[in-house]
Amino acid sequence: MRTVDAETLPKPPPDPVPRHPSAGPAAPPAGPRPPAGPGPRAVPGRRPASGPRAVAGRLAVPTAVLAAVAGAFTYVAAVDPNEPGHYPVCPLLRLTGLYCPGCGGLRSAHAVAHGDLPAALHANAPAVLGYAAFAVLWTLWTVRAARGRRSVFSPGPVLLWTLGSLLLAFTIVRNLPLGGWLAP
Protein backbone atom coordinates (compact mmCIF):
# COMPACT_ATOMS: atom_id res chain seq x y z
CA MET A 1 0.00 0.00 0.00
CA ARG A 2 1.35 3.37 -1.01
CA THR A 3 0.78 6.56 0.96
CA VAL A 4 0.89 10.03 -0.53
CA ASP A 5 1.75 13.21 1.27
CA ALA A 6 -0.41 16.25 0.69
CA GLU A 7 2.72 18.17 -0.27
CA THR A 8 3.44 15.84 -3.22
CA LEU A 9 -0.02 16.24 -4.79
CA PRO A 10 -0.28 18.73 -7.67
CA LYS A 11 -1.83 22.05 -6.71
CA PRO A 12 -4.75 23.50 -8.68
CA PRO A 13 -3.92 26.47 -10.90
CA PRO A 14 -4.55 29.87 -9.34
CA ASP A 15 -7.64 31.88 -10.27
CA PRO A 16 -6.94 34.30 -13.12
CA VAL A 17 -8.75 37.02 -11.18
CA PRO A 18 -7.65 37.58 -7.59
CA ARG A 19 -10.56 37.06 -5.24
CA HIS A 20 -11.20 38.21 -1.73
CA PRO A 21 -11.30 35.25 0.70
CA SER A 22 -14.87 36.09 1.80
CA ALA A 23 -16.20 36.21 -1.82
CA GLY A 24 -17.14 32.53 -1.85
CA PRO A 25 -16.41 29.93 -4.53
CA ALA A 26 -15.32 30.96 -7.99
CA ALA A 27 -17.93 31.07 -10.77
CA PRO A 28 -17.86 28.23 -13.30
CA PRO A 29 -15.93 28.94 -16.46
CA ALA A 30 -17.85 30.52 -19.33
CA GLY A 31 -18.41 28.56 -22.51
CA PRO A 32 -20.62 25.79 -23.79
CA ARG A 33 -22.09 23.50 -21.19
CA PRO A 34 -23.05 19.89 -21.74
CA PRO A 35 -26.81 19.27 -21.99
CA ALA A 36 -28.50 18.58 -18.68
CA GLY A 37 -30.65 15.54 -18.09
CA PRO A 38 -31.27 12.37 -20.05
CA GLY A 39 -32.84 12.13 -23.45
CA PRO A 40 -31.91 12.97 -27.00
CA ARG A 41 -30.62 16.45 -27.61
CA ALA A 42 -30.19 18.28 -30.85
CA VAL A 43 -26.53 18.43 -31.74
CA PRO A 44 -25.57 21.51 -33.77
CA GLY A 45 -24.61 20.57 -37.31
CA ARG A 46 -25.98 17.05 -36.97
CA ARG A 47 -29.28 15.91 -38.43
CA PRO A 48 -31.39 13.21 -36.82
CA ALA A 49 -31.56 9.85 -38.56
CA SER A 50 -34.04 10.05 -41.44
CA GLY A 51 -34.55 6.47 -42.58
CA PRO A 52 -37.98 4.87 -42.47
CA ARG A 53 -37.10 2.88 -39.35
CA ALA A 54 -35.87 5.99 -37.53
CA VAL A 55 -39.02 7.93 -38.38
CA ALA A 56 -41.22 4.97 -37.38
CA GLY A 57 -39.37 4.75 -34.06
CA ARG A 58 -39.91 8.44 -33.39
CA LEU A 59 -43.62 8.14 -34.22
CA ALA A 60 -44.23 5.08 -32.04
CA VAL A 61 -45.29 6.93 -28.88
CA PRO A 62 -47.55 9.51 -30.59
CA THR A 63 -49.18 6.68 -32.53
CA ALA A 64 -49.74 4.66 -29.34
CA VAL A 65 -51.31 7.68 -27.62
CA LEU A 66 -53.61 8.26 -30.59
CA ALA A 67 -54.59 4.57 -30.61
CA ALA A 68 -55.48 4.71 -26.91
CA VAL A 69 -57.60 7.86 -27.33
CA ALA A 70 -59.27 6.46 -30.46
CA GLY A 71 -60.03 3.23 -28.58
CA ALA A 72 -61.62 5.17 -25.71
CA PHE A 73 -63.72 7.27 -28.10
CA THR A 74 -64.76 4.12 -29.99
CA TYR A 75 -65.92 2.50 -26.78
CA VAL A 76 -67.86 5.60 -25.68
CA ALA A 77 -69.38 5.82 -29.17
CA ALA A 78 -70.54 2.21 -28.98
CA VAL A 79 -71.78 2.23 -25.36
CA ASP A 80 -74.20 5.15 -24.98
CA PRO A 81 -73.65 7.08 -21.72
CA ASN A 82 -77.18 8.52 -22.03
CA GLU A 83 -78.60 5.13 -21.06
CA PRO A 84 -78.40 4.44 -17.32
CA GLY A 85 -76.35 1.56 -15.99
CA HIS A 86 -73.43 1.60 -18.42
CA TYR A 87 -71.13 3.98 -16.53
CA PRO A 88 -70.84 4.91 -12.85
CA VAL A 89 -72.54 8.08 -11.66
CA CYS A 90 -70.33 11.04 -10.72
CA PRO A 91 -69.64 10.76 -6.96
CA LEU A 92 -70.01 14.53 -6.43
CA LEU A 93 -73.36 14.53 -8.22
CA ARG A 94 -74.55 11.50 -6.27
CA LEU A 95 -73.51 12.87 -2.86
CA THR A 96 -74.30 16.58 -3.25
CA GLY A 97 -76.46 16.98 -6.33
CA LEU A 98 -73.88 19.41 -7.77
CA TYR A 99 -72.32 19.07 -11.20
CA CYS A 100 -68.52 18.89 -11.30
CA PRO A 101 -66.60 20.32 -14.28
CA GLY A 102 -66.39 16.81 -15.78
CA CYS A 103 -70.10 15.98 -15.55
CA GLY A 104 -71.41 15.39 -19.05
CA GLY A 105 -67.94 14.63 -20.43
CA LEU A 106 -68.85 11.11 -21.54
CA ARG A 107 -72.07 12.34 -23.18
CA SER A 108 -69.98 15.04 -24.86
CA ALA A 109 -67.48 12.45 -26.15
CA HIS A 110 -70.37 10.28 -27.37
CA ALA A 111 -71.86 13.22 -29.27
CA VAL A 112 -68.47 14.17 -30.77
CA ALA A 113 -67.94 10.58 -31.89
CA HIS A 114 -71.32 10.70 -33.64
CA GLY A 115 -70.64 14.11 -35.20
CA ASP A 116 -73.25 16.00 -33.15
CA LEU A 117 -71.31 19.12 -32.12
CA PRO A 118 -74.29 21.09 -30.68
CA ALA A 119 -75.17 18.18 -28.37
CA ALA A 120 -71.51 17.84 -27.39
CA LEU A 121 -71.25 21.54 -26.52
CA HIS A 122 -74.48 21.34 -24.51
CA ALA A 123 -73.27 18.30 -22.55
CA ASN A 124 -69.88 19.80 -21.61
CA ALA A 125 -68.38 22.69 -23.59
CA PRO A 126 -64.96 22.68 -21.81
CA ALA A 127 -64.60 18.98 -22.68
CA VAL A 128 -65.12 19.77 -26.37
CA LEU A 129 -62.47 22.49 -26.12
CA GLY A 130 -60.21 19.94 -24.42
CA TYR A 131 -60.71 17.48 -27.29
CA ALA A 132 -59.80 20.20 -29.78
CA ALA A 133 -56.73 21.23 -27.74
CA PHE A 134 -55.63 17.59 -27.60
CA ALA A 135 -55.96 17.29 -31.38
CA VAL A 136 -53.85 20.40 -31.96
CA LEU A 137 -51.15 19.45 -29.43
CA TRP A 138 -51.02 15.86 -30.70
CA THR A 139 -50.60 17.09 -34.29
CA LEU A 140 -47.75 19.43 -33.31
CA TRP A 141 -46.12 16.64 -31.30
CA THR A 142 -46.36 14.20 -34.21
CA VAL A 143 -44.96 16.65 -36.77
CA ARG A 144 -42.03 17.54 -34.50
CA ALA A 145 -41.36 13.85 -33.78
CA ALA A 146 -41.39 13.03 -37.50
CA ARG A 147 -38.82 15.77 -38.07
CA GLY A 148 -36.64 14.49 -35.25
CA ARG A 149 -37.25 17.42 -32.91
CA ARG A 150 -38.17 17.26 -29.27
CA SER A 151 -41.61 18.46 -28.34
CA VAL A 152 -42.06 19.83 -24.87
CA PHE A 153 -45.33 21.40 -23.78
CA SER A 154 -44.73 23.19 -20.53
CA PRO A 155 -47.63 25.47 -19.62
CA GLY A 156 -46.66 28.31 -17.36
CA PRO A 157 -48.34 29.10 -14.06
CA VAL A 158 -50.39 31.95 -15.61
CA LEU A 159 -51.98 29.56 -18.12
CA LEU A 160 -52.64 26.92 -15.49
CA TRP A 161 -54.21 29.41 -13.06
CA THR A 162 -56.30 30.90 -15.87
CA LEU A 163 -57.60 27.48 -16.96
CA GLY A 164 -58.30 26.50 -13.36
CA SER A 165 -60.17 29.75 -12.73
CA LEU A 166 -62.25 29.31 -15.88
CA LEU A 167 -63.17 25.74 -14.88
CA LEU A 168 -64.10 26.91 -11.38
CA ALA A 169 -66.29 29.68 -12.82
CA PHE A 170 -67.88 27.17 -15.23
CA THR A 171 -68.60 24.82 -12.32
CA ILE A 172 -70.16 27.55 -10.20
CA VAL A 173 -72.29 28.98 -13.02
CA ARG A 174 -73.56 25.59 -14.21
CA ASN A 175 -74.86 24.87 -10.69
CA LEU A 176 -76.73 28.19 -10.37
CA PRO A 177 -80.33 28.61 -11.58
CA LEU A 178 -79.22 31.11 -14.25
CA GLY A 179 -76.68 28.62 -15.61
CA GLY A 180 -79.10 25.75 -16.03
CA TRP A 181 -78.40 25.72 -19.77
CA LEU A 182 -74.82 24.60 -18.94
CA ALA A 183 -76.01 21.56 -16.96
CA PRO A 184 -75.67 18.26 -18.81
C-alpha atoms as a PDB file:
ATOM      1  CA  MET A   1       0.000   0.000   0.000  1.00  0.00           C
ATOM      2  CA  ARG A   2       1.345   3.367  -1.005  1.00  0.00           C
ATOM      3  CA  THR A   3       0.782   6.556   0.962  1.00  0.00           C
ATOM      4  CA  VAL A   4       0.890  10.026  -0.531  1.00  0.00           C
ATOM      5  CA  ASP A   5       1.748  13.209   1.273  1.00  0.00           C
ATOM      6  CA  ALA A   6      -0.414  16.247   0.691  1.00  0.00           C
ATOM      7  CA  GLU A   7       2.717  18.170  -0.273  1.00  0.00           C
ATOM      8  CA  THR A   8       3.438  15.843  -3.216  1.00  0.00           C
ATOM      9  CA  LEU A   9      -0.022  16.243  -4.790  1.00  0.00           C
ATOM     10  CA  PRO A  10      -0.275  18.729  -7.666  1.00  0.00           C
ATOM     11  CA  LYS A  11      -1.830  22.051  -6.710  1.00  0.00           C
ATOM     12  CA  PRO A  12      -4.746  23.504  -8.677  1.00  0.00           C
ATOM     13  CA  PRO A  13      -3.921  26.466 -10.903  1.00  0.00           C
ATOM     14  CA  PRO A  14      -4.545  29.867  -9.336  1.00  0.00           C
ATOM     15  CA  ASP A  15      -7.644  31.883 -10.268  1.00  0.00           C
ATOM     16  CA  PRO A  16      -6.939  34.305 -13.120  1.00  0.00           C
ATOM     17  CA  VAL A  17      -8.755  37.020 -11.175  1.00  0.00           C
ATOM     18  CA  PRO A  18      -7.653  37.577  -7.593  1.00  0.00           C
ATOM     19  CA  ARG A  19     -10.556  37.064  -5.235  1.00  0.00           C
ATOM     20  CA  HIS A  20     -11.200  38.210  -1.732  1.00  0.00           C
ATOM     21  CA  PRO A  21     -11.301  35.250   0.697  1.00  0.00           C
ATOM     22  CA  SER A  22     -14.869  36.085   1.798  1.00  0.00           C
ATOM     23  CA  ALA A  23     -16.202  36.215  -1.819  1.00  0.00           C
ATOM     24  CA  GLY A  24     -17.144  32.526  -1.850  1.00  0.00           C
ATOM     25  CA  PRO A  25     -16.409  29.929  -4.534  1.00  0.00           C
ATOM     26  CA  ALA A  26     -15.322  30.964  -7.988  1.00  0.00           C
ATOM     27  CA  ALA A  27     -17.928  31.073 -10.769  1.00  0.00           C
ATOM     28  CA  PRO A  28     -17.862  28.227 -13.298  1.00  0.00           C
ATOM     29  CA  PRO A  29     -15.934  28.939 -16.459  1.00  0.00           C
ATOM     30  CA  ALA A  30     -17.848  30.519 -19.334  1.00  0.00           C
ATOM     31  CA  GLY A  31     -18.413  28.562 -22.505  1.00  0.00           C
ATOM     32  CA  PRO A  32     -20.615  25.794 -23.787  1.00  0.00           C
ATOM     33  CA  ARG A  33     -22.088  23.504 -21.194  1.00  0.00           C
ATOM     34  CA  PRO A  34     -23.050  19.893 -21.745  1.00  0.00           C
ATOM     35  CA  PRO A  35     -26.811  19.266 -21.989  1.00  0.00           C
ATOM     36  CA  ALA A  36     -28.505  18.579 -18.681  1.00  0.00           C
ATOM     37  CA  GLY A  37     -30.652  15.537 -18.090  1.00  0.00           C
ATOM     38  CA  PRO A  38     -31.275  12.365 -20.046  1.00  0.00           C
ATOM     39  CA  GLY A  39     -32.842  12.128 -23.448  1.00  0.00           C
ATOM     40  CA  PRO A  40     -31.906  12.968 -27.003  1.00  0.00           C
ATOM     41  CA  ARG A  41     -30.617  16.448 -27.609  1.00  0.00           C
ATOM     42  CA  ALA A  42     -30.190  18.277 -30.852  1.00  0.00           C
ATOM     43  CA  VAL A  43     -26.533  18.434 -31.745  1.00  0.00           C
ATOM     44  CA  PRO A  44     -25.568  21.509 -33.771  1.00  0.00           C
ATOM     45  CA  GLY A  45     -24.607  20.570 -37.308  1.00  0.00           C
ATOM     46  CA  ARG A  46     -25.975  17.054 -36.971  1.00  0.00           C
ATOM     47  CA  ARG A  47     -29.279  15.909 -38.434  1.00  0.00           C
ATOM     48  CA  PRO A  48     -31.388  13.208 -36.825  1.00  0.00           C
ATOM     49  CA  ALA A  49     -31.564   9.854 -38.565  1.00  0.00           C
ATOM     50  CA  SER A  50     -34.043  10.048 -41.437  1.00  0.00           C
ATOM     51  CA  GLY A  51     -34.554   6.472 -42.579  1.00  0.00           C
ATOM     52  CA  PRO A  52     -37.985   4.868 -42.465  1.00  0.00           C
ATOM     53  CA  ARG A  53     -37.099   2.876 -39.349  1.00  0.00           C
ATOM     54  CA  ALA A  54     -35.869   5.992 -37.528  1.00  0.00           C
ATOM     55  CA  VAL A  55     -39.025   7.930 -38.384  1.00  0.00           C
ATOM     56  CA  ALA A  56     -41.221   4.975 -37.379  1.00  0.00           C
ATOM     57  CA  GLY A  57     -39.374   4.754 -34.065  1.00  0.00           C
ATOM     58  CA  ARG A  58     -39.911   8.444 -33.385  1.00  0.00           C
ATOM     59  CA  LEU A  59     -43.622   8.144 -34.218  1.00  0.00           C
ATOM     60  CA  ALA A  60     -44.235   5.075 -32.037  1.00  0.00           C
ATOM     61  CA  VAL A  61     -45.287   6.931 -28.885  1.00  0.00           C
ATOM     62  CA  PRO A  62     -47.548   9.514 -30.588  1.00  0.00           C
ATOM     63  CA  THR A  63     -49.180   6.675 -32.527  1.00  0.00           C
ATOM     64  CA  ALA A  64     -49.742   4.659 -29.344  1.00  0.00           C
ATOM     65  CA  VAL A  65     -51.309   7.681 -27.620  1.00  0.00           C
ATOM     66  CA  LEU A  66     -53.615   8.257 -30.586  1.00  0.00           C
ATOM     67  CA  ALA A  67     -54.587   4.570 -30.611  1.00  0.00           C
ATOM     68  CA  ALA A  68     -55.485   4.709 -26.906  1.00  0.00           C
ATOM     69  CA  VAL A  69     -57.597   7.863 -27.329  1.00  0.00           C
ATOM     70  CA  ALA A  70     -59.269   6.462 -30.457  1.00  0.00           C
ATOM     71  CA  GLY A  71     -60.026   3.234 -28.580  1.00  0.00           C
ATOM     72  CA  ALA A  72     -61.621   5.173 -25.711  1.00  0.00           C
ATOM     73  CA  PHE A  73     -63.716   7.265 -28.104  1.00  0.00           C
ATOM     74  CA  THR A  74     -64.759   4.117 -29.995  1.00  0.00           C
ATOM     75  CA  TYR A  75     -65.920   2.500 -26.776  1.00  0.00           C
ATOM     76  CA  VAL A  76     -67.864   5.597 -25.684  1.00  0.00           C
ATOM     77  CA  ALA A  77     -69.384   5.822 -29.173  1.00  0.00           C
ATOM     78  CA  ALA A  78     -70.545   2.213 -28.980  1.00  0.00           C
ATOM     79  CA  VAL A  79     -71.782   2.230 -25.362  1.00  0.00           C
ATOM     80  CA  ASP A  80     -74.202   5.146 -24.984  1.00  0.00           C
ATOM     81  CA  PRO A  81     -73.653   7.078 -21.723  1.00  0.00           C
ATOM     82  CA  ASN A  82     -77.182   8.521 -22.033  1.00  0.00           C
ATOM     83  CA  GLU A  83     -78.601   5.127 -21.062  1.00  0.00           C
ATOM     84  CA  PRO A  84     -78.397   4.438 -17.320  1.00  0.00           C
ATOM     85  CA  GLY A  85     -76.353   1.561 -15.993  1.00  0.00           C
ATOM     86  CA  HIS A  86     -73.431   1.599 -18.419  1.00  0.00           C
ATOM     87  CA  TYR A  87     -71.134   3.984 -16.533  1.00  0.00           C
ATOM     88  CA  PRO A  88     -70.836   4.911 -12.854  1.00  0.00           C
ATOM     89  CA  VAL A  89     -72.541   8.085 -11.658  1.00  0.00           C
ATOM     90  CA  CYS A  90     -70.329  11.042 -10.721  1.00  0.00           C
ATOM     91  CA  PRO A  91     -69.643  10.762  -6.956  1.00  0.00           C
ATOM     92  CA  LEU A  92     -70.012  14.525  -6.425  1.00  0.00           C
ATOM     93  CA  LEU A  93     -73.362  14.535  -8.223  1.00  0.00           C
ATOM     94  CA  ARG A  94     -74.550  11.496  -6.272  1.00  0.00           C
ATOM     95  CA  LEU A  95     -73.510  12.872  -2.862  1.00  0.00           C
ATOM     96  CA  THR A  96     -74.301  16.577  -3.247  1.00  0.00           C
ATOM     97  CA  GLY A  97     -76.457  16.983  -6.333  1.00  0.00           C
ATOM     98  CA  LEU A  98     -73.877  19.413  -7.770  1.00  0.00           C
ATOM     99  CA  TYR A  99     -72.323  19.071 -11.205  1.00  0.00           C
ATOM    100  CA  CYS A 100     -68.518  18.886 -11.302  1.00  0.00           C
ATOM    101  CA  PRO A 101     -66.598  20.320 -14.282  1.00  0.00           C
ATOM    102  CA  GLY A 102     -66.391  16.807 -15.776  1.00  0.00           C
ATOM    103  CA  CYS A 103     -70.098  15.985 -15.549  1.00  0.00           C
ATOM    104  CA  GLY A 104     -71.406  15.387 -19.046  1.00  0.00           C
ATOM    105  CA  GLY A 105     -67.941  14.634 -20.433  1.00  0.00           C
ATOM    106  CA  LEU A 106     -68.854  11.111 -21.542  1.00  0.00           C
ATOM    107  CA  ARG A 107     -72.065  12.344 -23.177  1.00  0.00           C
ATOM    108  CA  SER A 108     -69.981  15.039 -24.863  1.00  0.00           C
ATOM    109  CA  ALA A 109     -67.482  12.454 -26.146  1.00  0.00           C
ATOM    110  CA  HIS A 110     -70.371  10.281 -27.367  1.00  0.00           C
ATOM    111  CA  ALA A 111     -71.862  13.219 -29.266  1.00  0.00           C
ATOM    112  CA  VAL A 112     -68.465  14.166 -30.774  1.00  0.00           C
ATOM    113  CA  ALA A 113     -67.939  10.577 -31.889  1.00  0.00           C
ATOM    114  CA  HIS A 114     -71.319  10.698 -33.640  1.00  0.00           C
ATOM    115  CA  GLY A 115     -70.636  14.115 -35.203  1.00  0.00           C
ATOM    116  CA  ASP A 116     -73.246  15.998 -33.152  1.00  0.00           C
ATOM    117  CA  LEU A 117     -71.308  19.124 -32.123  1.00  0.00           C
ATOM    118  CA  PRO A 118     -74.293  21.094 -30.685  1.00  0.00           C
ATOM    119  CA  ALA A 119     -75.173  18.183 -28.373  1.00  0.00           C
ATOM    120  CA  ALA A 120     -71.511  17.836 -27.390  1.00  0.00           C
ATOM    121  CA  LEU A 121     -71.253  21.537 -26.523  1.00  0.00           C
ATOM    122  CA  HIS A 122     -74.479  21.338 -24.507  1.00  0.00           C
ATOM    123  CA  ALA A 123     -73.269  18.297 -22.553  1.00  0.00           C
ATOM    124  CA  ASN A 124     -69.875  19.797 -21.606  1.00  0.00           C
ATOM    125  CA  ALA A 125     -68.379  22.689 -23.586  1.00  0.00           C
ATOM    126  CA  PRO A 126     -64.958  22.677 -21.811  1.00  0.00           C
ATOM    127  CA  ALA A 127     -64.603  18.985 -22.681  1.00  0.00           C
ATOM    128  CA  VAL A 128     -65.124  19.769 -26.368  1.00  0.00           C
ATOM    129  CA  LEU A 129     -62.466  22.489 -26.118  1.00  0.00           C
ATOM    130  CA  GLY A 130     -60.212  19.935 -24.417  1.00  0.00           C
ATOM    131  CA  TYR A 131     -60.715  17.477 -27.291  1.00  0.00           C
ATOM    132  CA  ALA A 132     -59.797  20.205 -29.780  1.00  0.00           C
ATOM    133  CA  ALA A 133     -56.734  21.233 -27.741  1.00  0.00           C
ATOM    134  CA  PHE A 134     -55.631  17.591 -27.599  1.00  0.00           C
ATOM    135  CA  ALA A 135     -55.961  17.294 -31.380  1.00  0.00           C
ATOM    136  CA  VAL A 136     -53.845  20.403 -31.961  1.00  0.00           C
ATOM    137  CA  LEU A 137     -51.154  19.449 -29.426  1.00  0.00           C
ATOM    138  CA  TRP A 138     -51.025  15.859 -30.696  1.00  0.00           C
ATOM    139  CA  THR A 139     -50.604  17.089 -34.290  1.00  0.00           C
ATOM    140  CA  LEU A 140     -47.753  19.427 -33.311  1.00  0.00           C
ATOM    141  CA  TRP A 141     -46.118  16.643 -31.305  1.00  0.00           C
ATOM    142  CA  THR A 142     -46.364  14.197 -34.208  1.00  0.00           C
ATOM    143  CA  VAL A 143     -44.964  16.647 -36.773  1.00  0.00           C
ATOM    144  CA  ARG A 144     -42.032  17.542 -34.504  1.00  0.00           C
ATOM    145  CA  ALA A 145     -41.363  13.853 -33.785  1.00  0.00           C
ATOM    146  CA  ALA A 146     -41.386  13.028 -37.499  1.00  0.00           C
ATOM    147  CA  ARG A 147     -38.817  15.770 -38.069  1.00  0.00           C
ATOM    148  CA  GLY A 148     -36.638  14.486 -35.246  1.00  0.00           C
ATOM    149  CA  ARG A 149     -37.249  17.419 -32.910  1.00  0.00           C
ATOM    150  CA  ARG A 150     -38.168  17.258 -29.267  1.00  0.00           C
ATOM    151  CA  SER A 151     -41.607  18.456 -28.342  1.00  0.00           C
ATOM    152  CA  VAL A 152     -42.062  19.834 -24.865  1.00  0.00           C
ATOM    153  CA  PHE A 153     -45.333  21.403 -23.780  1.00  0.00           C
ATOM    154  CA  SER A 154     -44.732  23.187 -20.533  1.00  0.00           C
ATOM    155  CA  PRO A 155     -47.629  25.471 -19.622  1.00  0.00           C
ATOM    156  CA  GLY A 156     -46.665  28.310 -17.358  1.00  0.00           C
ATOM    157  CA  PRO A 157     -48.344  29.104 -14.064  1.00  0.00           C
ATOM    158  CA  VAL A 158     -50.386  31.949 -15.606  1.00  0.00           C
ATOM    159  CA  LEU A 159     -51.980  29.565 -18.125  1.00  0.00           C
ATOM    160  CA  LEU A 160     -52.638  26.916 -15.485  1.00  0.00           C
ATOM    161  CA  TRP A 161     -54.215  29.408 -13.063  1.00  0.00           C
ATOM    162  CA  THR A 162     -56.299  30.896 -15.871  1.00  0.00           C
ATOM    163  CA  LEU A 163     -57.602  27.477 -16.963  1.00  0.00           C
ATOM    164  CA  GLY A 164     -58.298  26.499 -13.359  1.00  0.00           C
ATOM    165  CA  SER A 165     -60.170  29.753 -12.728  1.00  0.00           C
ATOM    166  CA  LEU A 166     -62.249  29.305 -15.877  1.00  0.00           C
ATOM    167  CA  LEU A 167     -63.168  25.738 -14.878  1.00  0.00           C
ATOM    168  CA  LEU A 168     -64.097  26.912 -11.383  1.00  0.00           C
ATOM    169  CA  ALA A 169     -66.293  29.684 -12.822  1.00  0.00           C
ATOM    170  CA  PHE A 170     -67.877  27.171 -15.227  1.00  0.00           C
ATOM    171  CA  THR A 171     -68.596  24.817 -12.325  1.00  0.00           C
ATOM    172  CA  ILE A 172     -70.163  27.552 -10.203  1.00  0.00           C
ATOM    173  CA  VAL A 173     -72.288  28.979 -13.021  1.00  0.00           C
ATOM    174  CA  ARG A 174     -73.557  25.591 -14.207  1.00  0.00           C
ATOM    175  CA  ASN A 175     -74.857  24.872 -10.689  1.00  0.00           C
ATOM    176  CA  LEU A 176     -76.729  28.188 -10.374  1.00  0.00           C
ATOM    177  CA  PRO A 177     -80.330  28.606 -11.584  1.00  0.00           C
ATOM    178  CA  LEU A 178     -79.222  31.112 -14.245  1.00  0.00           C
ATOM    179  CA  GLY A 179     -76.676  28.622 -15.612  1.00  0.00           C
ATOM    180  CA  GLY A 180     -79.104  25.755 -16.029  1.00  0.00           C
ATOM    181  CA  TRP A 181     -78.395  25.721 -19.769  1.00  0.00           C
ATOM    182  CA  LEU A 182     -74.820  24.600 -18.938  1.00  0.00           C
ATOM    183  CA  ALA A 183     -76.006  21.563 -16.963  1.00  0.00           C
ATOM    184  CA  PRO A 184     -75.674  18.258 -18.813  1.00  0.00           C
END
